[in-house]
Protein backbone atom coordinates (compact mmCIF):
# COMPACT_ATOMS: atom_id res chain seq x y z
CA MET A 1 -53.24 -35.77 -7.23
CA LEU A 2 -55.57 -32.81 -7.94
CA PRO A 3 -55.05 -31.07 -11.26
CA THR A 4 -53.55 -27.68 -11.87
CA ILE A 5 -56.33 -25.17 -12.45
CA HIS A 6 -55.56 -22.04 -14.47
CA THR A 7 -57.87 -19.03 -14.49
CA GLN A 8 -55.66 -16.69 -16.57
CA ALA A 9 -53.56 -16.93 -19.75
CA LEU A 10 -55.38 -20.13 -20.68
CA GLU A 11 -53.99 -20.26 -24.23
CA TYR A 12 -50.45 -20.12 -22.80
CA HIS A 13 -51.03 -23.07 -20.47
CA ALA A 14 -52.91 -25.21 -22.99
CA SER A 15 -50.82 -27.73 -24.96
CA ALA A 16 -53.58 -28.88 -27.32
CA PRO A 17 -54.38 -26.46 -30.18
CA GLU A 18 -58.01 -27.61 -30.04
CA VAL A 19 -58.30 -26.04 -26.60
CA ALA A 20 -57.26 -22.65 -27.98
CA ARG A 21 -59.72 -23.00 -30.89
CA THR A 22 -62.61 -23.82 -28.54
CA LEU A 23 -61.75 -20.95 -26.22
CA ARG A 24 -61.57 -18.51 -29.13
CA ALA A 25 -65.00 -19.66 -30.39
CA TYR A 26 -66.48 -19.35 -26.87
CA ARG A 27 -65.27 -15.80 -26.46
CA GLU A 28 -66.52 -14.75 -29.90
CA PHE A 29 -69.93 -16.28 -29.18
CA SER A 30 -70.10 -14.66 -25.73
CA HIS A 31 -69.76 -11.19 -27.25
CA LEU A 32 -72.93 -11.64 -29.29
CA GLY A 33 -75.30 -11.30 -26.31
CA ASP A 34 -75.59 -10.36 -22.66
CA GLY A 35 -74.79 -12.81 -19.88
CA LEU A 36 -73.76 -16.43 -20.35
CA PRO A 37 -73.95 -17.85 -23.85
CA PRO A 38 -76.67 -20.46 -24.54
CA ALA A 39 -75.08 -23.93 -24.46
CA GLU A 40 -76.94 -25.45 -27.45
CA ALA A 41 -76.35 -22.46 -29.73
CA PHE A 42 -72.67 -22.46 -28.80
CA LEU A 43 -72.31 -26.17 -29.61
CA HIS A 44 -73.94 -25.66 -33.01
CA ALA A 45 -71.46 -22.87 -33.72
CA LEU A 46 -68.43 -25.07 -32.98
CA ASP A 47 -66.48 -26.85 -35.70
CA PRO A 48 -67.83 -30.44 -35.96
CA ASP A 49 -64.43 -31.99 -35.11
CA LEU A 50 -64.46 -30.21 -31.75
CA THR A 51 -67.95 -31.34 -30.69
CA HIS A 52 -66.76 -34.95 -30.28
CA GLY A 53 -64.70 -33.78 -27.31
CA ILE A 54 -67.49 -31.80 -25.63
CA GLU A 55 -69.27 -32.78 -22.43
CA VAL A 56 -72.15 -30.82 -20.89
CA LEU A 57 -73.16 -30.95 -17.23
CA ALA A 58 -76.34 -29.71 -15.55
CA PRO A 59 -76.87 -29.10 -11.84
CA ASP A 60 -79.27 -31.22 -9.79
CA ALA A 61 -79.99 -31.69 -6.11
CA GLU A 62 -76.92 -33.90 -5.58
CA GLY A 63 -74.33 -32.14 -7.70
CA TRP A 64 -73.54 -32.13 -11.41
CA ARG A 65 -74.96 -34.60 -13.94
CA TYR A 66 -73.75 -35.32 -17.46
CA VAL A 67 -76.34 -34.42 -20.12
CA ARG A 68 -73.85 -34.86 -22.97
CA PHE A 69 -70.71 -37.01 -23.22
CA GLY A 70 -68.69 -36.68 -26.43
CA SER A 71 -67.76 -39.75 -28.48
CA ALA A 72 -64.01 -38.93 -28.37
CA ILE A 73 -64.12 -38.79 -24.56
CA MET A 74 -66.06 -42.03 -24.45
CA ALA A 75 -63.45 -43.74 -26.64
CA ALA A 76 -60.58 -42.47 -24.48
CA CYS A 77 -61.97 -43.57 -21.11
CA GLY A 78 -64.04 -46.58 -22.23
CA ILE A 79 -67.35 -45.61 -20.59
CA ASP A 80 -70.40 -43.45 -21.33
CA MET A 81 -71.21 -41.08 -18.48
CA THR A 82 -74.38 -39.61 -20.02
CA GLY A 83 -77.06 -39.35 -17.33
CA LYS A 84 -74.60 -40.07 -14.55
CA ARG A 85 -73.32 -37.69 -11.92
CA VAL A 86 -69.74 -36.50 -11.54
CA GLY A 87 -69.69 -38.36 -8.22
CA ALA A 88 -69.93 -41.64 -10.13
CA HIS A 89 -66.26 -41.27 -11.07
CA GLU A 90 -63.59 -42.59 -8.76
CA LEU A 91 -63.11 -40.24 -5.82
CA ARG A 92 -59.95 -38.58 -7.12
CA ILE A 93 -61.49 -37.64 -10.48
CA ALA A 94 -64.77 -36.52 -8.90
CA GLU A 95 -62.97 -34.22 -6.45
CA TYR A 96 -60.78 -32.73 -9.16
CA TYR A 97 -63.76 -32.03 -11.47
CA GLU A 98 -65.84 -30.46 -8.71
CA ALA A 99 -62.87 -28.26 -7.71
CA ALA A 100 -62.47 -27.13 -11.32
CA ILE A 101 -66.19 -26.27 -11.63
CA ALA A 102 -66.01 -24.33 -8.36
CA ALA A 103 -63.05 -22.36 -9.71
CA MET A 104 -65.01 -21.59 -12.92
CA ILE A 105 -67.97 -20.28 -10.91
CA GLU A 106 -65.69 -18.12 -8.75
CA ALA A 107 -63.85 -16.76 -11.81
CA GLU A 108 -67.16 -16.18 -13.65
CA GLY A 109 -65.49 -17.39 -16.81
CA PRO A 110 -63.55 -20.27 -18.43
CA VAL A 111 -60.80 -22.14 -16.57
CA LEU A 112 -58.31 -24.73 -17.75
CA ALA A 113 -57.74 -27.87 -15.66
CA VAL A 114 -54.62 -29.93 -16.45
CA ASP A 115 -54.36 -33.39 -14.94
CA ARG A 116 -51.06 -35.30 -15.07
CA ARG A 117 -50.65 -38.54 -13.16
CA PHE A 118 -48.96 -41.93 -13.24
CA ASP A 119 -51.20 -44.87 -12.57
CA GLY A 120 -50.18 -48.52 -12.79
CA GLY A 121 -47.32 -47.85 -15.19
CA SER A 122 -49.46 -45.63 -17.43
CA LEU A 123 -49.15 -41.91 -17.98
CA HIS A 124 -52.46 -40.00 -17.92
CA PHE A 125 -52.54 -36.43 -19.18
CA TRP A 126 -55.91 -34.68 -19.63
CA GLU A 127 -56.81 -31.09 -20.42
CA ARG A 128 -60.30 -29.74 -19.68
CA LEU A 129 -61.43 -26.31 -20.83
CA ILE A 130 -64.43 -25.69 -18.55
CA MET A 131 -66.82 -22.89 -19.63
CA PRO A 132 -69.99 -21.53 -18.01
CA ALA A 133 -73.14 -21.46 -20.16
CA ARG A 134 -76.96 -21.51 -19.78
CA ALA A 135 -79.82 -23.69 -20.89
CA GLU A 136 -82.90 -22.40 -22.73
CA ASP A 137 -84.77 -22.12 -19.40
CA GLY A 138 -81.93 -19.96 -18.03
CA SER A 139 -80.49 -22.60 -15.69
CA MET A 140 -76.74 -23.01 -15.57
CA ARG A 141 -74.78 -25.43 -17.69
CA VAL A 142 -71.11 -26.41 -17.71
CA VAL A 143 -69.65 -26.95 -21.17
CA ALA A 144 -66.23 -28.61 -21.16
CA TYR A 145 -63.89 -29.44 -24.00
CA VAL A 146 -61.90 -32.51 -22.94
CA ARG A 147 -58.66 -33.52 -24.60
CA PRO A 148 -56.86 -36.67 -23.49
CA ARG A 149 -53.13 -36.18 -24.25
CA GLY A 150 -51.77 -39.48 -22.91
CA GLY A 151 -52.71 -42.79 -21.40
CA ARG A 152 -50.80 -45.40 -23.37
CA GLU A 153 -49.91 -48.38 -21.23
CA ASP A 154 -46.60 -48.88 -22.99
CA LEU A 155 -45.35 -45.28 -22.72
CA LEU A 156 -43.20 -45.74 -19.64
CA ALA A 157 -41.94 -49.08 -20.90
CA ALA A 158 -40.82 -47.48 -24.16
CA ILE A 159 -39.03 -44.66 -22.32
CA PHE A 160 -37.45 -47.17 -19.93
CA GLU A 161 -36.09 -49.36 -22.72
CA ALA A 162 -34.97 -46.46 -24.92
CA SER A 163 -32.96 -44.75 -22.18
CA ARG A 164 -29.25 -44.34 -22.93
CA ASP A 165 -28.60 -44.84 -19.22
CA GLY A 166 -28.72 -48.21 -17.57
CA MET A 167 -31.85 -48.48 -15.42
CA LEU A 168 -32.79 -50.95 -12.70
CA VAL A 169 -36.03 -51.23 -10.77
CA MET A 170 -35.44 -52.93 -7.42
CA ARG A 171 -37.44 -54.12 -4.45
CA ALA A 172 -36.16 -54.18 -0.89
CA LEU A 173 -35.19 -57.49 0.71
CA ARG A 174 -35.69 -57.35 4.48
CA ASP A 175 -34.82 -59.54 7.45
CA PRO A 176 -37.51 -60.91 9.82
CA GLU A 177 -37.36 -57.69 11.85
CA GLY A 178 -38.04 -55.62 8.72
CA CYS A 179 -34.55 -54.15 8.41
CA PHE A 180 -33.08 -53.61 4.94
CA GLU A 181 -30.70 -56.37 3.81
CA ASP A 182 -30.28 -55.97 0.06
CA ALA A 183 -32.11 -54.97 -3.10
CA GLU A 184 -33.36 -57.43 -5.69
CA ILE A 185 -33.58 -56.41 -9.34
CA ILE A 186 -37.06 -56.90 -10.75
CA ILE A 187 -36.68 -55.01 -14.06
CA ALA A 188 -33.55 -54.06 -16.04
CA ASN A 189 -33.48 -52.19 -19.34
CA ALA A 190 -31.39 -53.10 -22.37
CA ARG A 191 -28.63 -50.65 -21.53
CA ALA A 192 -28.20 -52.10 -18.03
CA ARG A 193 -28.00 -55.64 -19.40
CA ALA A 194 -25.38 -54.51 -21.93
CA CYS A 195 -23.24 -52.99 -19.15
CA PHE A 196 -23.21 -56.28 -17.25
CA GLU A 197 -22.65 -58.78 -20.05
CA GLY A 198 -22.19 -61.64 -17.62
CA ASN A 199 -25.69 -61.03 -16.20
CA ALA A 200 -27.90 -61.07 -19.28
CA GLN A 201 -30.77 -62.31 -17.10
CA MET A 202 -30.59 -59.69 -14.34
CA GLU A 203 -34.12 -60.04 -12.98
CA GLY A 204 -33.98 -61.80 -9.62
CA THR A 205 -30.30 -60.90 -9.08
CA ARG A 206 -29.27 -59.14 -5.90
CA LEU A 207 -27.70 -55.73 -6.38
CA GLY A 208 -24.75 -56.77 -4.23
CA GLY A 209 -23.94 -59.51 -6.70
CA LEU A 210 -23.19 -57.02 -9.48
CA PHE A 211 -20.39 -55.16 -7.66
CA GLN A 212 -17.32 -56.04 -5.64
CA GLY A 213 -15.35 -54.67 -2.70
CA ALA A 214 -15.62 -51.04 -1.67
CA ALA A 215 -17.95 -50.23 -4.57
CA ALA A 216 -20.43 -52.86 -3.37
CA ARG A 217 -20.30 -51.55 0.21
CA SER A 218 -20.79 -47.93 -0.87
CA LEU A 219 -23.70 -48.82 -3.15
CA HIS A 220 -25.36 -50.96 -0.47
CA ALA A 221 -25.17 -48.12 2.08
CA ARG A 222 -26.59 -45.56 -0.33
CA CYS A 223 -29.38 -47.86 -1.48
CA ALA A 224 -30.33 -48.49 2.15
CA ARG A 225 -30.56 -44.74 2.80
CA VAL A 226 -32.76 -44.18 -0.24
CA ILE A 227 -35.19 -46.95 0.68
CA THR A 228 -35.36 -46.32 4.43
CA ARG A 229 -35.26 -42.50 4.42
CA ARG A 230 -37.14 -41.96 1.12
CA ILE A 231 -34.48 -39.56 -0.20
CA ALA A 232 -32.65 -39.37 -3.52
CA GLU A 233 -28.93 -40.11 -3.88
CA ARG A 234 -26.75 -38.83 -6.74
CA PHE A 235 -23.06 -39.74 -6.78
CA GLU A 236 -20.11 -41.09 -8.77
CA LEU A 237 -18.70 -44.55 -8.13
CA ASN A 238 -15.27 -45.88 -9.06
CA LEU A 239 -15.35 -49.58 -9.89
CA GLY A 240 -11.56 -49.88 -10.21
CA PRO A 241 -9.33 -50.69 -13.24
CA ALA A 242 -10.94 -52.38 -16.21
CA ASP A 243 -8.08 -54.94 -16.21
CA GLU A 244 -4.70 -55.41 -14.57
CA THR A 245 -2.73 -54.14 -17.59
CA SER A 246 -4.81 -51.00 -18.07
CA ASP A 247 -3.26 -47.59 -17.48
CA ALA A 248 -6.70 -45.99 -17.15
CA ALA A 249 -7.79 -44.60 -13.81
CA GLY A 250 -10.69 -47.08 -13.69
CA LEU A 251 -14.34 -47.59 -14.55
CA TRP A 252 -16.59 -44.79 -13.31
CA LEU A 253 -20.39 -44.67 -13.10
CA ARG A 254 -22.59 -41.66 -12.44
CA ILE A 255 -25.49 -43.07 -10.43
CA THR A 256 -28.89 -41.75 -9.36
CA ILE A 257 -31.09 -43.74 -6.95
CA LEU A 258 -34.70 -42.68 -6.29
CA PRO A 259 -37.22 -44.29 -3.89
CA LEU A 260 -40.12 -46.24 -5.43
CA ASP A 261 -42.68 -47.93 -3.19
CA ASP A 262 -40.72 -50.43 -1.03
CA GLY A 263 -37.77 -50.31 -3.36
CA ALA A 264 -35.88 -47.97 -5.63
CA VAL A 265 -35.07 -47.05 -9.22
CA MET A 266 -31.40 -46.75 -10.10
CA SER A 267 -30.06 -45.15 -13.27
CA PHE A 268 -26.38 -45.15 -14.14
CA ALA A 269 -24.16 -43.91 -16.96
CA ASP A 270 -20.59 -44.89 -17.81
CA ILE A 271 -18.50 -41.72 -17.42
CA SER A 272 -15.11 -43.46 -17.51
CA ASP A 273 -13.90 -41.58 -20.60
CA LEU A 274 -14.90 -38.23 -19.11
CA LYS A 275 -13.50 -39.05 -15.68
CA ASN A 276 -10.22 -40.38 -17.03
CA ALA A 277 -9.89 -37.30 -19.25
CA LEU A 278 -10.42 -35.08 -16.20
CA ILE A 279 -7.88 -37.08 -14.20
CA GLU A 280 -5.36 -36.87 -17.05
CA ALA A 281 -6.00 -33.13 -17.35
CA GLU A 282 -5.45 -32.68 -13.61
CA THR A 283 -2.27 -34.77 -13.77
CA ALA A 284 -1.03 -32.65 -16.67
CA ARG A 285 -1.98 -29.47 -14.78
CA ARG A 286 0.01 -30.57 -11.73
CA ALA A 287 2.99 -31.53 -13.89
CA LEU A 288 2.82 -28.14 -15.59
CA ALA A 289 2.57 -26.41 -12.21
CA ARG A 290 5.66 -28.29 -11.02
CA GLU A 291 7.49 -27.31 -14.22
CA VAL A 292 6.46 -23.67 -13.78
CA GLU A 293 7.59 -23.71 -10.14
CA LEU A 294 10.90 -25.35 -11.10
CA ARG A 295 11.44 -22.74 -13.79
CA ARG A 296 10.55 -19.98 -11.35
CA ARG A 297 13.10 -21.32 -8.86
CA LEU A 298 15.76 -21.64 -11.54
CA GLU A 299 15.08 -18.10 -12.70
CA GLU A 300 15.32 -16.90 -9.09
CA GLU A 301 18.59 -18.80 -8.68
CA LEU A 302 19.92 -17.26 -11.88
CA ARG A 303 18.82 -13.85 -10.72
CA GLN A 304 20.57 -14.37 -7.40
CA LEU A 305 23.68 -15.64 -9.17
CA SER A 306 23.68 -12.58 -11.40
CA LEU A 307 23.65 -10.39 -8.27
CA THR A 308 26.07 -12.44 -6.13
CA ASP A 309 29.86 -12.43 -5.96
CA GLU A 310 30.95 -15.97 -6.72
CA LEU A 311 33.91 -15.99 -4.30
CA THR A 312 32.53 -14.33 -1.15
CA GLY A 313 28.77 -14.84 -1.54
CA LEU A 314 28.27 -11.09 -1.01
CA ALA A 315 26.42 -8.83 -3.43
CA ASN A 316 28.37 -8.03 -6.61
CA ARG A 317 28.79 -4.75 -8.49
CA ARG A 318 25.55 -5.26 -10.45
CA ALA A 319 23.62 -5.66 -7.20
CA LEU A 320 25.37 -2.59 -5.79
CA GLU A 321 24.38 -0.41 -8.74
CA ARG A 322 20.83 -1.73 -8.53
CA LYS A 323 20.69 -0.77 -4.84
CA LEU A 324 22.09 2.69 -5.58
CA ARG A 325 19.52 3.32 -8.32
CA HIS A 326 16.77 2.30 -5.92
CA GLU A 327 18.01 4.53 -3.09
CA THR A 328 18.55 7.60 -5.28
CA ALA A 329 15.05 7.22 -6.77
CA ARG A 330 13.54 6.76 -3.28
CA ILE A 331 15.19 9.91 -1.93
CA ARG A 332 14.19 11.99 -4.94
CA ARG A 333 10.56 10.99 -4.38
CA TYR A 334 10.22 10.76 -0.61
CA GLY A 335 13.29 12.54 0.76
CA GLY A 336 15.81 11.13 3.22
CA ARG A 337 19.52 10.30 3.11
CA PHE A 338 21.97 7.46 2.66
CA CYS A 339 25.75 6.96 2.62
CA VAL A 340 28.23 4.76 0.79
CA ILE A 341 31.48 3.37 2.26
CA ALA A 342 34.23 2.35 -0.18
CA ILE A 343 36.88 -0.09 1.18
CA ASP A 344 40.19 -1.24 -0.27
CA LEU A 345 42.41 -3.80 1.47
CA ASP A 346 45.92 -2.41 2.03
CA HIS A 347 48.90 -4.00 0.24
CA PHE A 348 46.81 -6.96 -0.93
CA LYS A 349 49.07 -7.65 -3.94
CA GLN A 350 51.97 -8.13 -1.51
CA LEU A 351 49.83 -10.57 0.50
CA ASN A 352 49.10 -12.58 -2.67
CA ASP A 353 52.76 -12.60 -3.62
CA THR A 354 53.77 -13.76 -0.12
CA TYR A 355 51.15 -16.45 0.57
CA GLY A 356 49.75 -17.21 -2.87
CA HIS A 357 46.36 -16.54 -4.47
CA PRO A 358 44.50 -19.41 -2.73
CA VAL A 359 45.36 -17.87 0.65
CA GLY A 360 44.44 -14.43 -0.72
CA ASP A 361 41.03 -15.76 -1.78
CA GLU A 362 40.41 -17.18 1.72
CA VAL A 363 41.33 -13.81 3.21
CA LEU A 364 38.80 -12.07 0.93
CA ILE A 365 36.12 -14.55 2.04
CA ALA A 366 36.97 -13.98 5.72
CA VAL A 367 37.04 -10.20 5.39
CA GLY A 368 33.69 -10.20 3.54
CA ALA A 369 32.16 -12.30 6.35
CA LEU A 370 33.53 -9.86 8.95
CA PHE A 371 31.98 -6.86 7.16
CA ALA A 372 28.63 -8.66 6.80
CA ASP A 373 28.67 -9.66 10.48
CA GLU A 374 29.36 -6.11 11.65
CA THR A 375 26.75 -4.60 9.32
CA ARG A 376 23.65 -6.10 10.91
CA ARG A 377 20.76 -4.07 9.46
CA LYS A 378 18.75 -5.84 6.77
CA ILE A 379 18.49 -2.64 4.75
CA ASP A 380 22.29 -2.30 4.50
CA LEU A 381 24.13 -3.87 1.55
CA VAL A 382 27.68 -5.23 1.62
CA ALA A 383 29.18 -5.83 -1.83
CA ARG A 384 32.49 -6.96 -3.27
CA THR A 385 33.02 -4.75 -6.29
CA GLY A 386 36.21 -6.30 -7.63
CA GLY A 387 39.61 -7.64 -6.51
CA GLU A 388 40.21 -6.50 -2.93
CA GLU A 389 37.57 -3.73 -3.09
CA PHE A 390 34.29 -3.65 -1.12
CA MET A 391 31.43 -1.17 -0.75
CA ILE A 392 28.70 -0.78 1.85
CA VAL A 393 25.39 1.06 1.27
CA THR A 394 23.74 2.38 4.48
CA PRO A 395 20.20 3.76 3.89
CA ASP A 396 18.71 6.26 6.36
CA THR A 397 22.18 7.08 7.71
CA GLU A 398 23.87 10.46 7.93
CA LEU A 399 27.56 11.02 7.20
CA THR A 400 28.67 10.95 10.86
CA GLY A 401 26.94 7.61 11.46
CA ALA A 402 28.46 6.10 8.34
CA GLY A 403 31.86 7.37 9.41
CA ASP A 404 31.44 5.73 12.83
CA LEU A 405 30.53 2.43 11.14
CA ALA A 406 33.60 2.66 8.89
CA GLU A 407 35.86 3.35 11.88
CA ARG A 408 34.37 0.36 13.75
CA LEU A 409 35.04 -1.89 10.77
CA ARG A 410 38.58 -0.52 10.42
CA ARG A 411 39.40 -1.22 14.07
CA ARG A 412 37.82 -4.69 13.98
CA LEU A 413 39.83 -5.60 10.88
CA GLU A 414 43.03 -4.14 12.31
CA THR A 415 42.75 -6.26 15.47
CA THR A 416 41.77 -9.50 13.76
CA SER A 417 44.10 -12.13 12.36
CA PHE A 418 42.87 -14.91 10.10
CA ARG A 419 44.05 -18.52 10.37
CA ILE A 420 44.44 -19.74 6.77
CA GLY A 421 45.92 -23.24 6.72
CA LEU A 422 49.33 -23.00 8.39
CA HIS A 423 49.42 -19.20 8.10
CA GLU A 424 48.25 -16.50 10.50
CA VAL A 425 47.35 -13.57 8.23
CA ALA A 426 46.57 -9.98 9.24
CA VAL A 427 45.27 -7.27 6.95
CA THR A 428 44.17 -3.64 7.17
CA ALA A 429 42.00 -1.50 4.90
CA SER A 430 41.43 2.09 3.81
CA PHE A 431 37.90 3.56 3.95
CA GLY A 432 36.25 6.39 2.01
CA VAL A 433 32.80 7.62 3.13
CA TYR A 434 30.36 9.82 1.20
CA GLU A 435 26.77 10.97 1.81
CA TYR A 436 24.47 11.18 -1.21
CA GLU A 437 23.49 14.66 -2.31
CA PRO A 438 19.95 14.96 -3.76
CA ARG A 439 19.78 15.35 -7.54
CA GLU A 440 23.16 13.59 -7.91
CA ASP A 441 23.46 10.72 -10.36
CA TYR A 442 24.54 7.49 -8.71
CA ARG A 443 27.63 7.46 -10.97
CA ALA A 444 28.67 10.83 -9.53
CA LEU A 445 28.15 9.32 -6.08
CA LEU A 446 30.51 6.44 -6.90
CA ALA A 447 33.11 8.87 -8.23
CA ALA A 448 32.90 10.93 -5.04
CA VAL A 449 33.25 7.99 -2.67
CA ASP A 450 36.14 6.63 -4.76
CA ALA A 451 37.83 10.03 -4.42
CA ALA A 452 37.47 9.81 -0.63
CA LEU A 453 38.98 6.30 -0.71
CA TYR A 454 41.96 7.46 -2.77
CA ARG A 455 42.61 10.24 -0.25
CA ALA A 456 42.58 7.63 2.53
CA LYS A 457 45.14 5.54 0.65
CA ASP A 458 47.27 8.58 -0.22
CA SER A 459 47.31 9.67 3.44
CA GLY A 460 48.94 6.51 4.72
CA ARG A 461 46.24 3.76 4.44
CA ASN A 462 44.46 2.01 7.36
CA ASN A 463 42.27 5.04 7.94
CA VAL A 464 38.84 6.55 7.26
CA VAL A 465 38.32 9.65 5.13
CA LEU A 466 35.10 11.69 4.95
CA PRO A 467 34.54 14.54 2.45
CA GLU A 468 36.33 17.77 3.32
CA ARG A 469 37.76 16.24 6.47
CA ARG A 470 41.30 15.32 7.30
CA ALA A 471 42.22 11.70 7.52
CA THR A 472 41.85 9.98 10.88
CA PRO A 473 45.00 7.91 11.22
CA GLY A 474 44.82 4.43 12.56
CA GLU A 475 46.43 3.40 15.71
CA GLY A 476 49.39 1.07 15.45
């Protein structure tokens, strides 16, 4: 992997403070004269602790040759490159160094090359501040401050063992045709061994032997995809209840599988507490939602009960007054009209005395059903307002139309007999009709329609009375 080469903001990209110190000294020295600074004079001006990390290269016919190789660099890489060419390095390092020098020449100033790579289990991290300079004869020189920032063989092992997640390094087991069969564990960290107490010696164990049932099948399929397709898999896996008596939702692992050569690395963390807490929270949320819905339904039922006549199932007086307030407010704002019909069953006390109150109640129920059946519009309201009294609200209806409806109800009631037990019962009613006048209070409306009803009763009953009109007597 070629390094990252920075040509700007070098101090920002440098992680070693020595790089910034060297760059600062180079720039200060460059300002003292014209052109490139002389290499030897610059090295003498550096702090002594920095010179141990300096290498100097000179051009020759075949490339770049080391004329100086600092002791700190020699100690870090284990060889002395003085007198040797850059091409003597392994190909990867030679190509990266030549690319960095080419970038320096193009930029006509310092560049910073950062090399990070994994090699054989070791982490290598080098920074090279590469600066153009000149020799006493005027030929070009490359002065580089080199700072090795990593390279310990045990770094990855320490990270691997210290991880709070369980980690497994696995190799693929294949059949004779080369198809994936299973994964064999070749390295397990301490956390992984602690999670599987019955498998203290996990190396050499097949991955399928650690899990059971659906969890094993799911893990096998995902591991096969990672190894064959060279893709990463991140998922959560439920291993089932910890024991038969447990109320917990089960053991949960959050798993990541990454490809590695002809195998994979798997890391996993026990998230059972978190998952069970989420499941419990969701269960509680659903229970609360059910409770809220139940309460909403009960409140709706109570609201309906508060607006419903218990005997007939029609609207009651409270619902009637609510409807009247709504209609009067609507007309005041938008205009329009509506009427109210007041109804009183004729001689109902005599009916109760003759047949008894149970029969009277059944008659009220039957009459209420008849009125509701004849009043078919959804916007109309039929209410029992008390005893043998009913009212009907007819929005968007003029007085003549309401009077026609009242007459139709009167005739239907007059020609209907109700079979109540062993009795055949007939009943008539008196009707008062009134059209709302804008700016009237709904109480004044009720008083006016009641007045029309009283006139109907006073004029012989079984008839319909409209305001300022004579009663229309019933037939028969």
